[in-house]
PDB file of N, CA and C in Angstrom:
ATOM      1  N   HIS A   1      55.918  15.563   3.547  1.00  0.00           N
ATOM      2  CA  HIS A   1      55.664  14.548   2.545  1.00  0.00           C
ATOM      3  C   HIS A   1      55.267  15.226   1.227  1.00  0.00           C
ATOM      4  N   ASP A   2      55.972  14.901   0.186  1.00  0.00           N
ATOM      5  CA  ASP A   2      55.713  15.464  -1.141  1.00  0.00           C
ATOM      6  C   ASP A   2      54.549  14.714  -1.801  1.00  0.00           C
ATOM      7  N   PRO A   3      53.474  15.405  -2.142  1.00  0.00           N
ATOM      8  CA  PRO A   3      52.335  14.713  -2.750  1.00  0.00           C
ATOM      9  C   PRO A   3      52.626  14.179  -4.151  1.00  0.00           C
ATOM     10  N   GLN A   4      53.731  14.581  -4.754  1.00  0.00           N
ATOM     11  CA  GLN A   4      54.106  14.100  -6.085  1.00  0.00           C
ATOM     12  C   GLN A   4      55.231  13.060  -6.035  1.00  0.00           C
ATOM     13  N   LEU A   5      55.529  12.562  -4.838  1.00  0.00           N
ATOM     14  CA  LEU A   5      56.609  11.594  -4.665  1.00  0.00           C
ATOM     15  C   LEU A   5      56.453  10.391  -5.593  1.00  0.00           C
ATOM     16  N   PHE A   6      55.234   9.958  -5.817  1.00  0.00           N
ATOM     17  CA  PHE A   6      54.988   8.781  -6.659  1.00  0.00           C
ATOM     18  C   PHE A   6      55.555   8.973  -8.064  1.00  0.00           C
ATOM     19  N   GLN A   7      55.566  10.194  -8.572  1.00  0.00           N
ATOM     20  CA  GLN A   7      56.096  10.432  -9.915  1.00  0.00           C
ATOM     21  C   GLN A   7      57.608  10.223  -9.950  1.00  0.00           C
ATOM     22  N   MET A   8      58.305  10.706  -8.924  1.00  0.00           N
ATOM     23  CA  MET A   8      59.750  10.478  -8.853  1.00  0.00           C
ATOM     24  C   MET A   8      60.048   8.984  -8.712  1.00  0.00           C
ATOM     25  N   GLN A   9      59.250   8.299  -7.913  1.00  0.00           N
ATOM     26  CA  GLN A   9      59.467   6.867  -7.722  1.00  0.00           C
ATOM     27  C   GLN A   9      59.216   6.095  -9.021  1.00  0.00           C
ATOM     28  N   ALA A  10      58.196   6.462  -9.748  1.00  0.00           N
ATOM     29  CA  ALA A  10      57.928   5.804 -11.034  1.00  0.00           C
ATOM     30  C   ALA A  10      59.041   6.103 -12.034  1.00  0.00           C
ATOM     31  N   ALA A  11      59.518   7.349 -12.041  1.00  0.00           N
ATOM     32  CA  ALA A  11      60.623   7.708 -12.939  1.00  0.00           C
ATOM     33  C   ALA A  11      61.881   6.925 -12.580  1.00  0.00           C
ATOM     34  N   THR A  12      62.121   6.742 -11.296  1.00  0.00           N
ATOM     35  CA  THR A  12      63.279   5.951 -10.858  1.00  0.00           C
ATOM     36  C   THR A  12      63.103   4.489 -11.279  1.00  0.00           C
ATOM     37  N   ALA A  13      61.881   4.001 -11.209  1.00  0.00           N
ATOM     38  CA  ALA A  13      61.607   2.635 -11.677  1.00  0.00           C
ATOM     39  C   ALA A  13      61.972   2.505 -13.150  1.00  0.00           C
ATOM     40  N   PHE A  14      61.559   3.479 -13.948  1.00  0.00           N
ATOM     41  CA  PHE A  14      61.888   3.428 -15.373  1.00  0.00           C
ATOM     42  C   PHE A  14      63.391   3.554 -15.613  1.00  0.00           C
ATOM     43  N   ALA A  15      64.080   4.368 -14.830  1.00  0.00           N
ATOM     44  CA  ALA A  15      65.536   4.484 -14.978  1.00  0.00           C
ATOM     45  C   ALA A  15      66.198   3.124 -14.755  1.00  0.00           C
ATOM     46  N   HIS A  16      65.780   2.428 -13.715  1.00  0.00           N
ATOM     47  CA  HIS A  16      66.326   1.084 -13.462  1.00  0.00           C
ATOM     48  C   HIS A  16      65.917   0.120 -14.585  1.00  0.00           C
ATOM     49  N   PHE A  17      64.674   0.231 -15.038  1.00  0.00           N
ATOM     50  CA  PHE A  17      64.200  -0.640 -16.115  1.00  0.00           C
ATOM     51  C   PHE A  17      65.067  -0.490 -17.355  1.00  0.00           C
ATOM     52  N   PHE A  18      65.304   0.753 -17.774  1.00  0.00           N
ATOM     53  CA  PHE A  18      66.070   0.970 -18.998  1.00  0.00           C
ATOM     54  C   PHE A  18      67.547   0.629 -18.832  1.00  0.00           C
ATOM     55  N   ALA A  19      68.015   0.575 -17.584  1.00  0.00           N
ATOM     56  CA  ALA A  19      69.388   0.148 -17.315  1.00  0.00           C
ATOM     57  C   ALA A  19      69.487  -1.369 -17.176  1.00  0.00           C
ATOM     58  N   GLY A  20      68.343  -2.059 -17.287  1.00  0.00           N
ATOM     59  CA  GLY A  20      68.354  -3.515 -17.200  1.00  0.00           C
ATOM     60  C   GLY A  20      68.335  -4.054 -15.781  1.00  0.00           C
ATOM     61  N   ARG A  21      68.086  -3.194 -14.805  1.00  0.00           N
ATOM     62  CA  ARG A  21      68.021  -3.615 -13.393  1.00  0.00           C
ATOM     63  C   ARG A  21      66.550  -3.824 -13.030  1.00  0.00           C
ATOM     64  N   TYR A  22      65.995  -4.914 -13.492  1.00  0.00           N
ATOM     65  CA  TYR A  22      64.556  -5.134 -13.413  1.00  0.00           C
ATOM     66  C   TYR A  22      64.053  -5.319 -11.993  1.00  0.00           C
ATOM     67  N   SER A  23      64.812  -5.996 -11.146  1.00  0.00           N
ATOM     68  CA  SER A  23      64.365  -6.162  -9.760  1.00  0.00           C
ATOM     69  C   SER A  23      64.315  -4.828  -9.027  1.00  0.00           C
ATOM     70  N   ASP A  24      65.306  -3.983  -9.269  1.00  0.00           N
ATOM     71  CA  ASP A  24      65.274  -2.642  -8.673  1.00  0.00           C
ATOM     72  C   ASP A  24      64.093  -1.849  -9.224  1.00  0.00           C
ATOM     73  N   ALA A  25      63.825  -1.998 -10.507  1.00  0.00           N
ATOM     74  CA  ALA A  25      62.694  -1.301 -11.127  1.00  0.00           C
ATOM     75  C   ALA A  25      61.378  -1.740 -10.486  1.00  0.00           C
ATOM     76  N   VAL A  26      61.242  -3.027 -10.221  1.00  0.00           N
ATOM     77  CA  VAL A  26      60.033  -3.533  -9.568  1.00  0.00           C
ATOM     78  C   VAL A  26      59.862  -2.873  -8.207  1.00  0.00           C
ATOM     79  N   SER A  27      60.942  -2.807  -7.432  1.00  0.00           N
ATOM     80  CA  SER A  27      60.867  -2.211  -6.090  1.00  0.00           C
ATOM     81  C   SER A  27      60.412  -0.761  -6.146  1.00  0.00           C
ATOM     82  N   TRP A  28      60.981   0.012  -7.056  1.00  0.00           N
ATOM     83  CA  TRP A  28      60.611   1.422  -7.168  1.00  0.00           C
ATOM     84  C   TRP A  28      59.189   1.591  -7.682  1.00  0.00           C
ATOM     85  N   ALA A  29      58.778   0.762  -8.619  1.00  0.00           N
ATOM     86  CA  ALA A  29      57.406   0.843  -9.121  1.00  0.00           C
ATOM     87  C   ALA A  29      56.424   0.510  -8.001  1.00  0.00           C
ATOM     88  N   GLU A  30      56.737  -0.485  -7.195  1.00  0.00           N
ATOM     89  CA  GLU A  30      55.867  -0.836  -6.072  1.00  0.00           C
ATOM     90  C   GLU A  30      55.763   0.324  -5.082  1.00  0.00           C
ATOM     91  N   MET A  31      56.879   1.015  -4.834  1.00  0.00           N
ATOM     92  CA  MET A  31      56.834   2.184  -3.943  1.00  0.00           C
ATOM     93  C   MET A  31      55.913   3.261  -4.516  1.00  0.00           C
ATOM     94  N   ALA A  32      56.026   3.503  -5.814  1.00  0.00           N
ATOM     95  CA  ALA A  32      55.175   4.509  -6.449  1.00  0.00           C
ATOM     96  C   ALA A  32      53.704   4.140  -6.302  1.00  0.00           C
ATOM     97  N   LEU A  33      53.406   2.864  -6.412  1.00  0.00           N
ATOM     98  CA  LEU A  33      52.020   2.425  -6.363  1.00  0.00           C
ATOM     99  C   LEU A  33      51.465   2.396  -4.947  1.00  0.00           C
ATOM    100  N   VAL A  34      52.323   2.342  -3.949  1.00  0.00           N
ATOM    101  CA  VAL A  34      51.857   2.515  -2.568  1.00  0.00           C
ATOM    102  C   VAL A  34      51.341   3.938  -2.404  1.00  0.00           C
ATOM    103  N   GLU A  35      52.083   4.877  -2.986  1.00  0.00           N
ATOM    104  CA  GLU A  35      51.705   6.288  -2.906  1.00  0.00           C
ATOM    105  C   GLU A  35      50.465   6.596  -3.751  1.00  0.00           C
ATOM    106  N   ARG A  36      50.389   6.006  -4.942  1.00  0.00           N
ATOM    107  CA  ARG A  36      49.287   6.295  -5.882  1.00  0.00           C
ATOM    108  C   ARG A  36      48.936   4.999  -6.613  1.00  0.00           C
ATOM    109  N   PRO A  37      48.048   4.188  -6.048  1.00  0.00           N
ATOM    110  CA  PRO A  37      47.761   2.851  -6.598  1.00  0.00           C
ATOM    111  C   PRO A  37      47.261   2.825  -8.043  1.00  0.00           C
ATOM    112  N   ASN A  38      46.655   3.899  -8.510  1.00  0.00           N
ATOM    113  CA  ASN A  38      46.105   3.901  -9.868  1.00  0.00           C
ATOM    114  C   ASN A  38      46.971   4.668 -10.863  1.00  0.00           C
ATOM    115  N   HIS A  39      48.204   4.897 -10.543  1.00  0.00           N
ATOM    116  CA  HIS A  39      49.109   5.632 -11.427  1.00  0.00           C
ATOM    117  C   HIS A  39      49.500   4.725 -12.590  1.00  0.00           C
ATOM    118  N   VAL A  40      48.928   4.991 -13.762  1.00  0.00           N
ATOM    119  CA  VAL A  40      49.116   4.068 -14.889  1.00  0.00           C
ATOM    120  C   VAL A  40      50.572   3.961 -15.324  1.00  0.00           C
ATOM    121  N   SER A  41      51.330   5.022 -15.232  1.00  0.00           N
ATOM    122  CA  SER A  41      52.744   4.940 -15.599  1.00  0.00           C
ATOM    123  C   SER A  41      53.490   4.005 -14.637  1.00  0.00           C
ATOM    124  N   GLY A  42      53.177   4.105 -13.365  1.00  0.00           N
ATOM    125  CA  GLY A  42      53.788   3.203 -12.385  1.00  0.00           C
ATOM    126  C   GLY A  42      53.397   1.757 -12.627  1.00  0.00           C
ATOM    127  N   ILE A  43      52.153   1.544 -13.011  1.00  0.00           N
ATOM    128  CA  ILE A  43      51.695   0.177 -13.297  1.00  0.00           C
ATOM    129  C   ILE A  43      52.359  -0.343 -14.566  1.00  0.00           C
ATOM    130  N   ARG A  44      52.534   0.517 -15.574  1.00  0.00           N
ATOM    131  CA  ARG A  44      53.277   0.089 -16.782  1.00  0.00           C
ATOM    132  C   ARG A  44      54.696  -0.316 -16.403  1.00  0.00           C
ATOM    133  N   ALA A  45      55.337   0.491 -15.545  1.00  0.00           N
ATOM    134  CA  ALA A  45      56.701   0.165 -15.108  1.00  0.00           C
ATOM    135  C   ALA A  45      56.727  -1.169 -14.381  1.00  0.00           C
ATOM    136  N   LEU A  46      55.753  -1.385 -13.516  1.00  0.00           N
ATOM    137  CA  LEU A  46      55.704  -2.636 -12.757  1.00  0.00           C
ATOM    138  C   LEU A  46      55.478  -3.829 -13.680  1.00  0.00           C
ATOM    139  N   ALA A  47      54.508  -3.736 -14.575  1.00  0.00           N
ATOM    140  CA  ALA A  47      54.212  -4.856 -15.469  1.00  0.00           C
ATOM    141  C   ALA A  47      55.414  -5.214 -16.335  1.00  0.00           C
ATOM    142  N   ALA A  48      56.013  -4.207 -16.962  1.00  0.00           N
ATOM    143  CA  ALA A  48      57.151  -4.464 -17.848  1.00  0.00           C
ATOM    144  C   ALA A  48      58.353  -4.992 -17.068  1.00  0.00           C
ATOM    145  N   SER A  49      58.609  -4.425 -15.903  1.00  0.00           N
ATOM    146  CA  SER A  49      59.765  -4.841 -15.101  1.00  0.00           C
ATOM    147  C   SER A  49      59.599  -6.267 -14.600  1.00  0.00           C
ATOM    148  N   CYS A  50      58.406  -6.589 -14.103  1.00  0.00           N
ATOM    149  CA  CYS A  50      58.158  -7.960 -13.646  1.00  0.00           C
ATOM    150  C   CYS A  50      58.343  -8.947 -14.796  1.00  0.00           C
ATOM    151  N   ALA A  51      57.806  -8.607 -15.958  1.00  0.00           N
ATOM    152  CA  ALA A  51      57.914  -9.509 -17.107  1.00  0.00           C
ATOM    153  C   ALA A  51      59.372  -9.725 -17.495  1.00  0.00           C
ATOM    154  N   MET A  52      60.137  -8.652 -17.552  1.00  0.00           N
ATOM    155  CA  MET A  52      61.540  -8.776 -17.965  1.00  0.00           C
ATOM    156  C   MET A  52      62.378  -9.481 -16.890  1.00  0.00           C
ATOM    157  N   ALA A  53      61.916  -9.418 -15.633  1.00  0.00           N
ATOM    158  CA  ALA A  53      62.621 -10.109 -14.545  1.00  0.00           C
ATOM    159  C   ALA A  53      62.200 -11.572 -14.442  1.00  0.00           C
ATOM    160  N   GLY A  54      61.294 -12.013 -15.316  1.00  0.00           N
ATOM    161  CA  GLY A  54      60.841 -13.400 -15.277  1.00  0.00           C
ATOM    162  C   GLY A  54      59.798 -13.664 -14.209  1.00  0.00           C
ATOM    163  N   ARG A  55      59.168 -12.627 -13.711  1.00  0.00           N
ATOM    164  CA  ARG A  55      58.146 -12.752 -12.668  1.00  0.00           C
ATOM    165  C   ARG A  55      56.771 -12.633 -13.330  1.00  0.00           C
ATOM    166  N   GLN A  56      56.432 -13.651 -14.096  1.00  0.00           N
ATOM    167  CA  GLN A  56      55.269 -13.596 -14.976  1.00  0.00           C
ATOM    168  C   GLN A  56      53.948 -13.451 -14.232  1.00  0.00           C
ATOM    169  N   GLU A  57      53.800 -14.123 -13.112  1.00  0.00           N
ATOM    170  CA  GLU A  57      52.539 -14.025 -12.376  1.00  0.00           C
ATOM    171  C   GLU A  57      52.295 -12.581 -11.914  1.00  0.00           C
ATOM    172  N   GLU A  58      53.334 -11.952 -11.393  1.00  0.00           N
ATOM    173  CA  GLU A  58      53.211 -10.556 -10.965  1.00  0.00           C
ATOM    174  C   GLU A  58      52.978  -9.640 -12.167  1.00  0.00           C
ATOM    175  N   ALA A  59      53.660  -9.926 -13.264  1.00  0.00           N
ATOM    176  CA  ALA A  59      53.478  -9.132 -14.483  1.00  0.00           C
ATOM    177  C   ALA A  59      52.039  -9.234 -14.975  1.00  0.00           C
ATOM    178  N   SER A  60      51.484 -10.422 -14.930  1.00  0.00           N
ATOM    179  CA  SER A  60      50.101 -10.625 -15.377  1.00  0.00           C
ATOM    180  C   SER A  60      49.117  -9.880 -14.487  1.00  0.00           C
ATOM    181  N   ARG A  61      49.364  -9.895 -13.177  1.00  0.00           N
ATOM    182  CA  ARG A  61      48.480  -9.148 -12.264  1.00  0.00           C
ATOM    183  C   ARG A  61      48.556  -7.649 -12.533  1.00  0.00           C
ATOM    184  N   ALA A  62      49.775  -7.145 -12.735  1.00  0.00           N
ATOM    185  CA  ALA A  62      49.939  -5.719 -13.026  1.00  0.00           C
ATOM    186  C   ALA A  62      49.274  -5.366 -14.352  1.00  0.00           C
ATOM    187  N   MET A  63      49.406  -6.246 -15.341  1.00  0.00           N
ATOM    188  CA  MET A  63      48.779  -5.987 -16.638  1.00  0.00           C
ATOM    189  C   MET A  63      47.262  -5.993 -16.518  1.00  0.00           C
ATOM    190  N   ALA A  64      46.722  -6.882 -15.730  1.00  0.00           N
ATOM    191  CA  ALA A  64      45.265  -6.904 -15.531  1.00  0.00           C
ATOM    192  C   ALA A  64      44.800  -5.581 -14.933  1.00  0.00           C
ATOM    193  N   ARG A  65      45.548  -5.058 -13.978  1.00  0.00           N
ATOM    194  CA  ARG A  65      45.186  -3.771 -13.376  1.00  0.00           C
ATOM    195  C   ARG A  65      45.322  -2.644 -14.402  1.00  0.00           C
ATOM    196  N   LEU A  66      46.382  -2.672 -15.180  1.00  0.00           N
ATOM    197  CA  LEU A  66      46.584  -1.657 -16.209  1.00  0.00           C
ATOM    198  C   LEU A  66      45.438  -1.676 -17.212  1.00  0.00           C
ATOM    199  N   ARG A  67      45.012  -2.860 -17.594  1.00  0.00           N
ATOM    200  CA  ARG A  67      43.929  -2.992 -18.572  1.00  0.00           C
ATOM    201  C   ARG A  67      42.594  -2.516 -17.994  1.00  0.00           C
ATOM    202  N   GLU A  68      42.421  -2.650 -16.672  1.00  0.00           N
ATOM    203  CA  GLU A  68      41.217  -2.101 -16.030  1.00  0.00           C
ATOM    204  C   GLU A  68      41.206  -0.577 -16.138  1.00  0.00           C
ATOM    205  N   LEU A  69      42.358   0.023 -15.880  1.00  0.00           N
ATOM    206  CA  LEU A  69      42.468   1.479 -15.865  1.00  0.00           C
ATOM    207  C   LEU A  69      42.537   2.087 -17.261  1.00  0.00           C
ATOM    208  N   ASP A  70      43.115   1.352 -18.201  1.00  0.00           N
ATOM    209  CA  ASP A  70      43.280   1.853 -19.567  1.00  0.00           C
ATOM    210  C   ASP A  70      42.959   0.737 -20.557  1.00  0.00           C
ATOM    211  N   PRO A  71      41.673   0.391 -20.691  1.00  0.00           N
ATOM    212  CA  PRO A  71      41.306  -0.760 -21.528  1.00  0.00           C
ATOM    213  C   PRO A  71      41.619  -0.588 -23.011  1.00  0.00           C
ATOM    214  N   ALA A  72      41.809   0.629 -23.470  1.00  0.00           N
ATOM    215  CA  ALA A  72      42.092   0.859 -24.896  1.00  0.00           C
ATOM    216  C   ALA A  72      43.577   0.719 -25.223  1.00  0.00           C
ATOM    217  N   LEU A  73      44.427   0.638 -24.215  1.00  0.00           N
ATOM    218  CA  LEU A  73      45.868   0.570 -24.466  1.00  0.00           C
ATOM    219  C   LEU A  73      46.236  -0.705 -25.212  1.00  0.00           C
ATOM    220  N   ARG A  74      47.033  -0.521 -26.254  1.00  0.00           N
ATOM    221  CA  ARG A  74      47.575  -1.624 -27.053  1.00  0.00           C
ATOM    222  C   ARG A  74      49.029  -1.287 -27.352  1.00  0.00           C
ATOM    223  N   LEU A  75      49.779  -2.265 -27.766  1.00  0.00           N
ATOM    224  CA  LEU A  75      51.150  -1.995 -28.190  1.00  0.00           C
ATOM    225  C   LEU A  75      51.154  -1.005 -29.345  1.00  0.00           C
ATOM    226  N   SER A  76      50.173  -1.115 -30.214  1.00  0.00           N
ATOM    227  CA  SER A  76      50.099  -0.225 -31.373  1.00  0.00           C
ATOM    228  C   SER A  76      49.815   1.224 -30.982  1.00  0.00           C
ATOM    229  N   SER A  77      49.282   1.462 -29.794  1.00  0.00           N
ATOM    230  CA  SER A  77      49.001   2.836 -29.352  1.00  0.00           C
ATOM    231  C   SER A  77      49.954   3.301 -28.256  1.00  0.00           C
ATOM    232  N   LEU A  78      50.937   2.494 -27.934  1.00  0.00           N
ATOM    233  CA  LEU A  78      51.856   2.814 -26.836  1.00  0.00           C
ATOM    234  C   LEU A  78      52.598   4.129 -27.056  1.00  0.00           C
ATOM    235  N   LYS A  79      52.953   4.420 -28.294  1.00  0.00           N
ATOM    236  CA  LYS A  79      53.664   5.673 -28.578  1.00  0.00           C
ATOM    237  C   LYS A  79      52.851   6.899 -28.201  1.00  0.00           C
ATOM    238  N   ASN A  80      51.536   6.767 -28.128  1.00  0.00           N
ATOM    239  CA  ASN A  80      50.671   7.890 -27.769  1.00  0.00           C
ATOM    240  C   ASN A  80      50.707   8.215 -26.283  1.00  0.00           C
ATOM    241  N   VAL A  81      51.172   7.281 -25.460  1.00  0.00           N
ATOM    242  CA  VAL A  81      51.128   7.494 -24.009  1.00  0.00           C
ATOM    243  C   VAL A  81      52.500   7.529 -23.346  1.00  0.00           C
ATOM    244  N   THR A  82      53.544   7.340 -24.111  1.00  0.00           N
ATOM    245  CA  THR A  82      54.880   7.362 -23.515  1.00  0.00           C
ATOM    246  C   THR A  82      55.784   8.294 -24.312  1.00  0.00           C
ATOM    247  N   PRO A  83      56.475   9.189 -23.628  1.00  0.00           N
ATOM    248  CA  PRO A  83      57.285  10.192 -24.317  1.00  0.00           C
ATOM    249  C   PRO A  83      58.725   9.756 -24.611  1.00  0.00           C
ATOM    250  N   LEU A  84      58.951   8.487 -24.771  1.00  0.00           N
ATOM    251  CA  LEU A  84      60.321   7.999 -24.964  1.00  0.00           C
ATOM    252  C   LEU A  84      60.870   8.447 -26.308  1.00  0.00           C
ATOM    253  N   ARG A  85      62.083   8.938 -26.280  1.00  0.00           N
ATOM    254  CA  ARG A  85      62.719   9.435 -27.505  1.00  0.00           C
ATOM    255  C   ARG A  85      63.611   8.403 -28.168  1.00  0.00           C
ATOM    256  N   ARG A  86      64.287   7.625 -27.341  1.00  0.00           N
ATOM    257  CA  ARG A  86      65.226   6.657 -27.907  1.00  0.00           C
ATOM    258  C   ARG A  86      64.486   5.386 -28.328  1.00  0.00           C
ATOM    259  N   PRO A  87      64.646   4.989 -29.581  1.00  0.00           N
ATOM    260  CA  PRO A  87      63.940   3.780 -30.063  1.00  0.00           C
ATOM    261  C   PRO A  87      64.253   2.546 -29.218  1.00  0.00           C
ATOM    262  N   GLU A  88      65.488   2.418 -28.743  1.00  0.00           N
ATOM    263  CA  GLU A  88      65.834   1.232 -27.952  1.00  0.00           C
ATOM    264  C   GLU A  88      65.065   1.211 -26.629  1.00  0.00           C
ATOM    265  N   ASP A  89      64.794   2.383 -26.051  1.00  0.00           N
ATOM    266  CA  ASP A  89      64.005   2.433 -24.822  1.00  0.00           C
ATOM    267  C   ASP A  89      62.556   2.048 -25.112  1.00  0.00           C
ATOM    268  N   PHE A  90      62.004   2.617 -26.169  1.00  0.00           N
ATOM    269  CA  PHE A  90      60.626   2.280 -26.542  1.00  0.00           C
ATOM    270  C   PHE A  90      60.507   0.782 -26.821  1.00  0.00           C
ATOM    271  N   ASN A  91      61.451   0.230 -27.556  1.00  0.00           N
ATOM    272  CA  ASN A  91      61.396  -1.189 -27.906  1.00  0.00           C
ATOM    273  C   ASN A  91      61.490  -2.078 -26.669  1.00  0.00           C
ATOM    274  N   ARG A  92      62.320  -1.679 -25.705  1.00  0.00           N
ATOM    275  CA  ARG A  92      62.450  -2.467 -24.478  1.00  0.00           C
ATOM    276  C   ARG A  92      61.141  -2.425 -23.684  1.00  0.00           C
ATOM    277  N   LEU A  93      60.553  -1.238 -23.578  1.00  0.00           N
ATOM    278  CA  LEU A  93      59.281  -1.126 -22.869  1.00  0.00           C
ATOM    279  C   LEU A  93      58.209  -1.949 -23.573  1.00  0.00           C
ATOM    280  N   ALA A  94      58.140  -1.845 -24.885  1.00  0.00           N
ATOM    281  CA  ALA A  94      57.154  -2.622 -25.640  1.00  0.00           C
ATOM    282  C   ALA A  94      57.377  -4.122 -25.435  1.00  0.00           C
ATOM    283  N   GLU A  95      58.626  -4.552 -25.425  1.00  0.00           N
ATOM    284  CA  GLU A  95      58.928  -5.967 -25.196  1.00  0.00           C
ATOM    285  C   GLU A  95      58.439  -6.413 -23.823  1.00  0.00           C
ATOM    286  N   GLY A  96      58.727  -5.600 -22.808  1.00  0.00           N
ATOM    287  CA  GLY A  96      58.288  -5.949 -21.454  1.00  0.00           C
ATOM    288  C   GLY A  96      56.772  -6.001 -21.346  1.00  0.00           C
ATOM    289  N   LEU A  97      56.095  -5.023 -21.925  1.00  0.00           N
ATOM    290  CA  LEU A  97      54.639  -5.008 -21.855  1.00  0.00           C
ATOM    291  C   LEU A  97      54.021  -6.133 -22.689  1.00  0.00           C
ATOM    292  N   ARG A  98      54.656  -6.477 -23.795  1.00  0.00           N
ATOM    293  CA  ARG A  98      54.193  -7.623 -24.603  1.00  0.00           C
ATOM    294  C   ARG A  98      54.301  -8.901 -23.778  1.00  0.00           C
ATOM    295  N   LYS A  99      55.452  -9.084 -23.114  1.00  0.00           N
ATOM    296  CA  LYS A  99      55.641 -10.275 -22.266  1.00  0.00           C
ATOM    297  C   LYS A  99      54.651 -10.301 -21.109  1.00  0.00           C
ATOM    298  N   ALA A 100      54.251  -9.105 -20.647  1.00  0.00           N
ATOM    299  CA  ALA A 100      53.289  -9.024 -19.535  1.00  0.00           C
ATOM    300  C   ALA A 100      51.861  -9.272 -20.005  1.00  0.00           C
ATOM    301  N   GLY A 101      51.643  -9.243 -21.335  1.00  0.00           N
ATOM    302  CA  GLY A 101      50.330  -9.570 -21.863  1.00  0.00           C
ATOM    303  C   GLY A 101      49.574  -8.449 -22.543  1.00  0.00           C
ATOM    304  N   LEU A 102      50.234  -7.326 -22.823  1.00  0.00           N
ATOM    305  CA  LEU A 102      49.547  -6.245 -23.529  1.00  0.00           C
ATOM    306  C   LEU A 102      49.296  -6.668 -24.966  1.00  0.00           C
ATOM    307  N   PRO A 103      48.054  -6.582 -25.441  1.00  0.00           N
ATOM    308  CA  PRO A 103      47.757  -7.000 -26.810  1.00  0.00           C
ATOM    309  C   PRO A 103      48.353  -6.065 -27.858  1.00  0.00           C
ATOM    310  N   GLU A 104      48.531  -6.623 -29.038  1.00  0.00           N
ATOM    311  CA  GLU A 104      49.076  -5.839 -30.150  1.00  0.00           C
ATOM    312  C   GLU A 104      48.116  -4.717 -30.494  1.00  0.00           C
TER     313      GLU A 104
END
């Protein structure tokens, strides 16, 4: 068992997210969080994916957990915690997290 498996699973969640396959992204993010429940990147993937998939209740729960772990996170500071290079990827993530309830 690879102790870093959760990182690959979270990365796979983001790959599905950026490809617009939100339900697949949710599944992979959930797998990552089974391995590492407090992995903030995995929780960001879950919140944004649920929101974009129209699963608002799940998105809100994931956002509440994210806000517990990173209470200072805002949309305005998102660029500080995500290494996305393509503006369209950053904008999609910001849109998903906004829909999930991340404050400006």
